[in-house]
Amino acid sequence: MLKDQSQDSKRTYYECQQRFKQKIWELKDNHCRKFLAKKGADHAFQADRFPNNRQEGEITLLRNREGNLTSDVAEKSCLLFHSTFAVETTTDLSDIPCNQQPNTPPSFPLITKEKLENLIAELPNKKAPGPDGSYSSIWKEAPTAIIRKVAKEDYTHPNAYRPIALLNTLGKLFEKIINNILTHWAHQTNIIHPGHVGARPGRSINNAFVMLTSWIHHKWREGKMVMGIFLDVKSAYPSVQKERLIHKLEKKGCPSYLCLIINSFLSNRTTRLKLNTFISQKFQIPNSLPKGSPILVALYLLYNSNILLLNPPSLNKDKISLAYIDDVTHLLAITDFQYGEDAANEVMARSRNWGSRYGAIFDEKKTYFILFTKKKQPPNTITIA
């Protein structure tokens, strides 16, 4: 972390960072050459196996909806698109007015040259560009690279892969500008739920651990047990409903110009999937926040804040929620199992209701229930719908 945010300090930092990476590469190269010199040419393939064992391995076969394996690259691109972008869910949007217009006319703030230069300086080097390479004329069409998710058992299943949008360079710069304005507004107005600890200035996963353990130990000292319900939203970013997001931003008082820009940003987006040298047909993205976008996380923090319990995390409360972006934990302090079962089912019903209105589906494989207690006897059976 840079304490001095001057341009000279940033430039020096990035130069040192590049020299460090170059030195690491040289050490790896020297190590590989020494290995080959010692083992001989017979071990060349063994040496080559390690640096090439990357997540973006070739997608050889995929299993289609009929359960058959296919090697046709066009069919594989369709399967990957529908598993990573098109989330099949029924969303209740009946409470959102049709064709709602902003209450106030849009007023766009001035973006100074200094702010623009700072944002350009913060852009990381050697990141994957869009189809233009440097400059952009079409910002809403982005090719998508497909990489493997780590440690999946079956890579013939399309859900074992992750999409990464290769956004246009100027588009990313514009999104960083909008993200800075949106984040500043959200923190100035305290719109983001205090239980959110991920991707927020001055907070990290360590804060979540401290809050979790401190709250549990405090409830133990009060003679209570703690129930933890850990939820994970399946395909969180592709499941975002644009209409629900814009409606929520407007209700929270988001400046009208931001609502208009975000609405345009999420409308009529298209992509082409890149599978090695193959470029797929153009797909229309129905919903979704583009992975890799600078504004992605800020929008999702605002989108899913209602799933957290209204109480801010406090030692004086017996029900709190913590979240790290799309991973949500509900914590309940209880004195007996019957009350705990009723309270847990009430929280789960509330979460399912949120999911039906926000198009979210909870991943059963990543949903956990944990009882934190100092008592040694096994608990009674607890049924949670």
Protein backbone atom coordinates (compact mmCIF):
# COMPACT_ATOMS: atom_id res chain seq x y z
CA MET A 1 0.00 0.00 0.00
CA LEU A 2 1.34 3.42 -0.96
CA LYS A 3 1.21 6.00 1.81
CA ASP A 4 2.31 8.75 -0.54
CA GLN A 5 -0.15 9.01 -3.45
CA SER A 6 1.94 11.43 -5.53
CA GLN A 7 2.59 10.65 -9.18
CA ASP A 8 6.35 10.26 -8.57
CA SER A 9 5.73 7.72 -5.80
CA LYS A 10 3.30 5.75 -7.95
CA ARG A 11 5.69 5.75 -10.89
CA THR A 12 8.56 4.56 -8.68
CA TYR A 13 6.35 1.87 -7.16
CA TYR A 14 5.27 0.48 -10.53
CA GLU A 15 8.85 0.55 -11.86
CA CYS A 16 10.05 -1.42 -8.82
CA GLN A 17 7.14 -3.81 -9.23
CA GLN A 18 8.07 -4.48 -12.87
CA ARG A 19 11.74 -5.02 -11.95
CA PHE A 20 10.66 -7.47 -9.24
CA LYS A 21 8.50 -9.43 -11.71
CA GLN A 22 11.32 -9.45 -14.24
CA LYS A 23 13.73 -10.79 -11.60
CA ILE A 24 11.28 -13.55 -10.66
CA TRP A 25 10.99 -14.53 -14.32
CA GLU A 26 14.79 -14.63 -14.68
CA LEU A 27 15.14 -16.83 -11.57
CA LYS A 28 12.52 -19.25 -12.88
CA ASP A 29 14.22 -19.35 -16.27
CA ASN A 30 17.62 -20.03 -14.69
CA HIS A 31 16.13 -22.75 -12.48
CA CYS A 32 14.56 -24.44 -15.52
CA ARG A 33 17.83 -24.31 -17.45
CA LYS A 34 19.75 -25.81 -14.51
CA PHE A 35 17.12 -28.55 -14.22
CA LEU A 36 17.50 -29.46 -17.91
CA ALA A 37 21.29 -29.31 -17.70
CA LYS A 38 21.24 -31.71 -14.76
CA LYS A 39 18.50 -34.10 -15.93
CA GLY A 40 19.14 -34.04 -19.65
CA ALA A 41 16.88 -33.78 -22.68
CA ASP A 42 14.85 -36.84 -21.62
CA HIS A 43 13.15 -34.73 -18.94
CA ALA A 44 12.21 -31.84 -21.22
CA PHE A 45 8.52 -32.75 -21.21
CA GLN A 46 8.53 -33.00 -17.42
CA ALA A 47 9.94 -29.48 -17.19
CA ASP A 48 7.43 -28.17 -19.71
CA ARG A 49 4.46 -29.64 -17.86
CA PHE A 50 4.64 -27.32 -14.84
CA PRO A 51 4.68 -23.83 -16.41
CA ASN A 52 1.99 -24.86 -18.88
CA ASN A 53 -0.40 -26.28 -16.25
CA ARG A 54 -2.56 -23.18 -16.20
CA GLN A 55 -6.24 -22.59 -15.64
CA GLU A 56 -6.89 -21.66 -19.25
CA GLY A 57 -6.37 -25.26 -20.39
CA GLU A 58 -7.89 -26.38 -23.66
CA ILE A 59 -11.58 -27.23 -23.47
CA THR A 60 -11.60 -30.57 -25.28
CA LEU A 61 -15.01 -32.06 -24.48
CA LEU A 62 -18.17 -30.72 -22.87
CA ARG A 63 -21.33 -32.50 -21.81
CA ASN A 64 -24.53 -31.12 -23.38
CA ARG A 65 -28.00 -31.07 -21.83
CA GLU A 66 -28.72 -34.58 -23.13
CA GLY A 67 -25.66 -35.84 -21.26
CA ASN A 68 -23.66 -36.54 -24.40
CA LEU A 69 -20.06 -35.40 -24.87
CA THR A 70 -19.43 -33.00 -27.73
CA SER A 71 -16.25 -31.73 -29.34
CA ASP A 72 -17.95 -29.34 -31.77
CA VAL A 73 -16.50 -25.94 -30.94
CA ALA A 74 -19.64 -23.98 -31.92
CA GLU A 75 -21.82 -26.17 -29.71
CA LYS A 76 -19.32 -25.85 -26.87
CA SER A 77 -19.46 -22.05 -27.12
CA CYS A 78 -23.27 -22.16 -26.85
CA LEU A 79 -23.11 -24.47 -23.83
CA LEU A 80 -20.58 -22.23 -22.09
CA PHE A 81 -22.60 -19.08 -22.79
CA HIS A 82 -25.83 -20.53 -21.40
CA SER A 83 -24.05 -21.86 -18.30
CA THR A 84 -22.11 -18.67 -17.52
CA PHE A 85 -24.30 -15.80 -18.76
CA ALA A 86 -27.89 -17.03 -19.07
CA VAL A 87 -29.21 -17.90 -15.60
CA GLU A 88 -32.59 -19.60 -15.74
CA THR A 89 -34.61 -18.11 -12.91
CA THR A 90 -38.05 -16.66 -12.30
CA THR A 91 -37.84 -13.14 -10.87
CA ASP A 92 -40.73 -11.21 -9.35
CA LEU A 93 -40.46 -7.64 -10.71
CA SER A 94 -44.14 -6.76 -10.21
CA ASP A 95 -43.35 -4.01 -7.68
CA ILE A 96 -41.22 -2.03 -10.15
CA PRO A 97 -43.14 0.69 -12.07
CA CYS A 98 -42.91 0.50 -15.86
CA ASN A 99 -40.97 3.22 -17.70
CA GLN A 100 -40.11 5.05 -14.50
CA GLN A 101 -38.41 8.39 -15.17
CA PRO A 102 -35.88 10.11 -12.88
CA ASN A 103 -37.42 12.53 -10.38
CA THR A 104 -34.87 15.21 -11.21
CA PRO A 105 -33.19 16.13 -14.51
CA PRO A 106 -29.69 14.71 -14.86
CA SER A 107 -26.80 16.94 -13.89
CA PHE A 108 -23.37 15.64 -14.85
CA PRO A 109 -20.41 16.53 -12.60
CA LEU A 110 -17.20 17.91 -14.00
CA ILE A 111 -14.42 15.37 -14.54
CA THR A 112 -11.17 17.28 -14.17
CA LYS A 113 -8.01 16.57 -16.12
CA GLU A 114 -6.20 15.77 -12.86
CA LYS A 115 -8.76 13.10 -11.92
CA LEU A 116 -8.47 11.57 -15.37
CA GLU A 117 -4.66 11.46 -15.19
CA ASN A 118 -4.80 9.80 -11.76
CA LEU A 119 -7.20 7.13 -13.03
CA ILE A 120 -5.01 6.43 -16.06
CA ALA A 121 -1.97 6.09 -13.78
CA GLU A 122 -3.86 3.56 -11.64
CA LEU A 123 -4.72 1.30 -14.60
CA PRO A 124 -2.67 -1.92 -14.33
CA ASN A 125 -0.21 -2.75 -17.07
CA LYS A 126 -0.23 -5.90 -19.21
CA LYS A 127 -3.90 -6.66 -18.65
CA ALA A 128 -5.99 -8.36 -21.33
CA PRO A 129 -7.35 -5.77 -23.79
CA GLY A 130 -10.54 -5.94 -25.80
CA PRO A 131 -10.72 -6.41 -29.58
CA ASP A 132 -9.33 -2.93 -30.21
CA GLY A 133 -6.09 -3.48 -28.31
CA SER A 134 -5.79 0.15 -27.18
CA TYR A 135 -8.63 2.40 -28.29
CA SER A 136 -12.34 1.77 -28.41
CA SER A 137 -15.26 2.55 -30.67
CA ILE A 138 -17.69 -0.09 -29.36
CA TRP A 139 -17.78 -0.41 -25.59
CA LYS A 140 -20.74 -2.72 -25.16
CA GLU A 141 -19.37 -5.60 -27.20
CA ALA A 142 -16.66 -7.52 -25.42
CA PRO A 143 -15.15 -10.90 -26.28
CA THR A 144 -15.13 -13.35 -23.39
CA ALA A 145 -12.24 -15.61 -22.45
CA ILE A 146 -13.12 -18.88 -20.74
CA ILE A 147 -10.88 -20.22 -17.97
CA ARG A 148 -11.18 -23.23 -15.72
CA LYS A 149 -12.41 -22.91 -12.16
CA VAL A 150 -9.90 -24.35 -9.73
CA ALA A 151 -10.21 -27.91 -8.38
CA LYS A 152 -13.36 -29.00 -10.20
CA GLU A 153 -13.92 -32.75 -10.45
CA ASP A 154 -15.46 -32.81 -13.92
CA TYR A 155 -14.29 -30.39 -16.61
CA THR A 156 -16.77 -31.78 -19.14
CA HIS A 157 -19.47 -29.79 -17.34
CA PRO A 158 -19.92 -26.22 -18.65
CA ASN A 159 -20.34 -24.88 -15.10
CA ALA A 160 -16.70 -25.79 -14.39
CA TYR A 161 -15.57 -22.74 -16.38
CA ARG A 162 -15.48 -19.04 -15.62
CA PRO A 163 -16.09 -16.20 -18.10
CA ILE A 164 -13.78 -13.18 -18.14
CA ALA A 165 -14.91 -10.22 -20.23
CA LEU A 166 -12.09 -8.61 -22.24
CA LEU A 167 -13.32 -5.04 -21.98
CA ASN A 168 -12.30 -2.18 -24.21
CA THR A 169 -9.53 0.00 -22.81
CA LEU A 170 -11.30 3.36 -22.99
CA GLY A 171 -14.47 1.70 -21.73
CA LYS A 172 -12.63 0.51 -18.61
CA LEU A 173 -11.32 4.02 -18.01
CA PHE A 174 -14.85 5.44 -18.25
CA GLU A 175 -16.15 2.73 -15.91
CA LYS A 176 -13.44 3.61 -13.37
CA ILE A 177 -14.64 7.21 -13.43
CA ILE A 178 -18.24 6.14 -12.85
CA ASN A 179 -17.14 3.65 -10.18
CA ASN A 180 -15.30 6.37 -8.24
CA ILE A 181 -18.35 8.65 -8.33
CA LEU A 182 -20.73 5.83 -7.38
CA THR A 183 -18.51 4.57 -4.55
CA HIS A 184 -18.05 8.09 -3.17
CA TRP A 185 -21.84 8.66 -3.19
CA ALA A 186 -22.51 5.27 -1.56
CA HIS A 187 -20.07 5.83 1.30
CA GLN A 188 -21.05 9.46 1.84
CA THR A 189 -24.70 8.44 2.23
CA ASN A 190 -23.98 5.16 4.12
CA ILE A 191 -26.07 3.24 1.59
CA ILE A 192 -23.94 0.08 1.72
CA HIS A 193 -24.88 -2.22 4.60
CA PRO A 194 -22.27 -2.07 7.41
CA GLY A 195 -22.17 -5.88 7.40
CA HIS A 196 -20.48 -5.81 3.99
CA VAL A 197 -16.74 -6.13 4.52
CA GLY A 198 -15.55 -7.13 1.04
CA ALA A 199 -14.16 -4.69 -1.54
CA ARG A 200 -14.57 -1.67 0.73
CA PRO A 201 -11.89 0.90 1.59
CA GLY A 202 -10.12 0.08 4.84
CA ARG A 203 -11.75 -3.35 5.20
CA SER A 204 -10.66 -6.87 4.31
CA ILE A 205 -11.42 -10.51 5.02
CA ASN A 206 -9.53 -10.08 8.31
CA ASN A 207 -12.24 -7.68 9.48
CA ALA A 208 -14.85 -10.36 8.80
CA PHE A 209 -12.91 -12.92 10.85
CA VAL A 210 -12.51 -10.51 13.77
CA MET A 211 -16.20 -9.53 13.71
CA LEU A 212 -17.29 -13.17 13.47
CA THR A 213 -15.12 -14.52 16.28
CA SER A 214 -15.68 -11.52 18.57
CA TRP A 215 -19.46 -11.78 18.22
CA ILE A 216 -19.48 -15.56 18.84
CA HIS A 217 -17.26 -15.30 21.95
CA HIS A 218 -19.39 -12.45 23.29
CA LYS A 219 -22.55 -14.56 22.95
CA TRP A 220 -20.82 -17.48 24.62
CA ARG A 221 -20.06 -15.25 27.60
CA GLU A 222 -23.79 -14.47 27.72
CA GLY A 223 -24.49 -18.21 27.99
CA LYS A 224 -25.88 -18.52 24.47
CA MET A 225 -25.16 -20.71 21.47
CA VAL A 226 -24.66 -19.34 17.96
CA MET A 227 -26.19 -20.63 14.76
CA GLY A 228 -24.41 -19.75 11.53
CA ILE A 229 -26.13 -20.02 8.15
CA PHE A 230 -23.64 -19.62 5.30
CA LEU A 231 -25.16 -18.85 1.88
CA ASP A 232 -23.61 -18.54 -1.56
CA VAL A 233 -25.48 -17.15 -4.57
CA LYS A 234 -25.05 -19.33 -7.64
CA SER A 235 -23.83 -17.34 -10.68
CA ALA A 236 -24.15 -14.13 -8.67
CA TYR A 237 -23.11 -11.61 -11.33
CA PRO A 238 -24.98 -13.16 -14.30
CA SER A 239 -28.16 -13.33 -12.20
CA VAL A 240 -28.33 -9.57 -11.56
CA GLN A 241 -31.61 -8.12 -12.87
CA LYS A 242 -31.02 -4.72 -14.46
CA GLU A 243 -34.56 -3.45 -13.75
CA ARG A 244 -34.28 -4.37 -10.06
CA LEU A 245 -30.84 -2.75 -9.75
CA ILE A 246 -31.88 0.54 -11.38
CA HIS A 247 -35.11 0.64 -9.35
CA LYS A 248 -33.14 0.16 -6.13
CA LEU A 249 -30.61 2.85 -7.01
CA GLU A 250 -33.42 5.31 -7.72
CA LYS A 251 -35.18 4.48 -4.42
CA LYS A 252 -31.91 5.05 -2.53
CA GLY A 253 -31.58 8.51 -4.05
CA CYS A 254 -28.77 7.77 -6.48
CA PRO A 255 -28.15 10.81 -8.74
CA SER A 256 -30.24 10.51 -11.88
CA TYR A 257 -27.27 10.86 -14.24
CA LEU A 258 -25.65 7.81 -12.60
CA CYS A 259 -28.85 5.79 -12.96
CA LEU A 260 -29.05 6.71 -16.65
CA ILE A 261 -25.41 5.80 -17.29
CA ILE A 262 -25.64 2.49 -15.42
CA ASN A 263 -28.88 1.63 -17.20
CA SER A 264 -27.21 2.28 -20.55
CA PHE A 265 -24.08 0.40 -19.45
CA LEU A 266 -26.12 -2.75 -18.74
CA SER A 267 -28.38 -2.55 -21.80
CA ASN A 268 -27.87 -4.29 -25.14
CA ARG A 269 -24.59 -5.92 -24.18
CA THR A 270 -23.19 -8.59 -26.48
CA THR A 271 -20.26 -10.96 -26.39
CA ARG A 272 -18.36 -13.50 -28.45
CA LEU A 273 -16.67 -16.43 -26.71
CA LYS A 274 -13.01 -17.12 -27.47
CA LEU A 275 -12.07 -20.81 -27.41
CA ASN A 276 -8.42 -20.97 -28.44
CA THR A 277 -8.46 -19.69 -32.05
CA PHE A 278 -12.24 -20.05 -32.47
CA ILE A 279 -14.48 -16.98 -32.13
CA SER A 280 -18.15 -17.80 -31.54
CA GLN A 281 -21.23 -16.15 -32.93
CA LYS A 282 -22.44 -12.98 -31.22
CA PHE A 283 -24.57 -13.63 -28.12
CA GLN A 284 -27.02 -11.13 -26.64
CA ILE A 285 -26.53 -10.97 -22.86
CA PRO A 286 -29.98 -10.89 -21.19
CA ASN A 287 -28.81 -9.73 -17.75
CA SER A 288 -25.47 -9.80 -15.98
CA LEU A 289 -22.69 -7.62 -14.64
CA PRO A 290 -19.62 -8.07 -16.86
CA LYS A 291 -16.82 -9.83 -15.00
CA GLY A 292 -13.67 -7.75 -15.12
CA SER A 293 -15.51 -4.43 -15.08
CA PRO A 294 -14.21 -1.84 -12.58
CA ILE A 295 -17.79 -1.05 -11.54
CA LEU A 296 -18.80 -4.68 -11.01
CA VAL A 297 -18.32 -5.06 -7.26
CA ALA A 298 -19.75 -1.68 -6.25
CA LEU A 299 -22.96 -2.40 -8.15
CA TYR A 300 -23.30 -5.84 -6.60
CA LEU A 301 -22.76 -4.55 -3.05
CA LEU A 302 -25.66 -2.16 -3.62
CA TYR A 303 -27.72 -4.86 -5.31
CA ASN A 304 -27.62 -7.54 -2.62
CA SER A 305 -27.59 -5.41 0.55
CA ASN A 306 -31.24 -6.27 1.29
CA ILE A 307 -30.43 -9.91 1.92
CA LEU A 308 -28.54 -8.88 5.05
CA LEU A 309 -30.56 -8.49 8.24
CA LEU A 310 -31.48 -4.90 8.98
CA ASN A 311 -29.52 -4.85 12.24
CA PRO A 312 -25.97 -3.54 11.80
CA PRO A 313 -23.35 -5.91 13.25
CA SER A 314 -23.30 -5.22 16.98
CA LEU A 315 -22.44 -7.18 20.11
CA ASN A 316 -25.77 -6.10 21.58
CA LYS A 317 -27.82 -7.76 18.83
CA ASP A 318 -28.79 -11.43 18.77
CA LYS A 319 -29.23 -11.53 14.99
CA ILE A 320 -26.66 -10.10 12.59
CA SER A 321 -25.44 -10.66 9.04
CA LEU A 322 -21.97 -10.45 7.53
CA ALA A 323 -21.16 -10.56 3.83
CA TYR A 324 -18.12 -10.75 1.60
CA ILE A 325 -19.57 -9.63 -1.75
CA ASP A 326 -21.83 -12.57 -2.73
CA ASP A 327 -21.05 -14.80 0.29
CA VAL A 328 -23.53 -14.08 3.08
CA THR A 329 -23.54 -15.34 6.67
CA HIS A 330 -26.49 -15.02 9.05
CA LEU A 331 -25.60 -15.39 12.75
CA LEU A 332 -28.25 -16.11 15.38
CA ALA A 333 -27.70 -16.23 19.16
CA ILE A 334 -30.06 -18.75 20.80
CA THR A 335 -30.73 -20.24 24.22
CA ASP A 336 -32.65 -23.37 23.15
CA PHE A 337 -32.96 -25.45 20.00
CA GLN A 338 -36.67 -24.95 19.40
CA TYR A 339 -36.25 -21.19 19.27
CA GLY A 340 -33.15 -21.67 17.14
CA GLU A 341 -35.03 -23.80 14.62
CA ASP A 342 -37.85 -21.25 14.35
CA ALA A 343 -35.41 -18.34 14.03
CA ALA A 344 -33.30 -20.13 11.41
CA ASN A 345 -36.35 -20.98 9.29
CA GLU A 346 -37.54 -17.38 9.53
CA VAL A 347 -34.19 -16.11 8.28
CA MET A 348 -34.11 -18.67 5.46
CA ALA A 349 -37.66 -17.73 4.40
CA ARG A 350 -36.58 -14.10 4.29
CA SER A 351 -33.52 -15.01 2.20
CA ARG A 352 -35.59 -17.08 -0.24
CA ASN A 353 -38.06 -14.22 -0.61
CA TRP A 354 -35.16 -11.90 -1.43
CA GLY A 355 -33.91 -14.43 -3.98
CA SER A 356 -37.28 -14.62 -5.75
CA ARG A 357 -37.39 -10.82 -6.10
CA TYR A 358 -33.74 -10.42 -7.12
CA GLY A 359 -33.35 -13.45 -9.40
CA ALA A 360 -30.87 -15.17 -7.06
CA ILE A 361 -30.53 -18.92 -6.62
CA PHE A 362 -28.63 -20.26 -3.61
CA ASP A 363 -26.04 -22.94 -4.31
CA GLU A 364 -27.05 -25.93 -2.17
CA LYS A 365 -23.55 -27.42 -2.37
CA LYS A 366 -22.09 -24.27 -0.81
CA THR A 367 -24.83 -23.69 1.79
CA TYR A 368 -23.77 -24.66 5.30
CA PHE A 369 -25.34 -24.66 8.75
CA ILE A 370 -22.93 -24.57 11.70
CA LEU A 371 -23.71 -24.57 15.41
CA PHE A 372 -21.08 -22.78 17.51
CA THR A 373 -21.34 -24.00 21.10
CA LYS A 374 -19.10 -24.84 24.06
CA LYS A 375 -21.44 -27.64 25.14
CA LYS A 376 -20.07 -31.13 24.57
CA GLN A 377 -23.35 -33.02 24.19
CA PRO A 378 -24.66 -33.37 20.61
CA PRO A 379 -27.50 -30.99 19.72
CA ASN A 380 -31.04 -32.03 18.95
CA THR A 381 -32.08 -32.50 15.34
CA ILE A 382 -32.81 -29.15 13.71
CA THR A 383 -34.80 -28.99 10.49
CA ILE A 384 -34.26 -26.02 8.19
CA ALA A 385 -36.30 -25.69 5.02
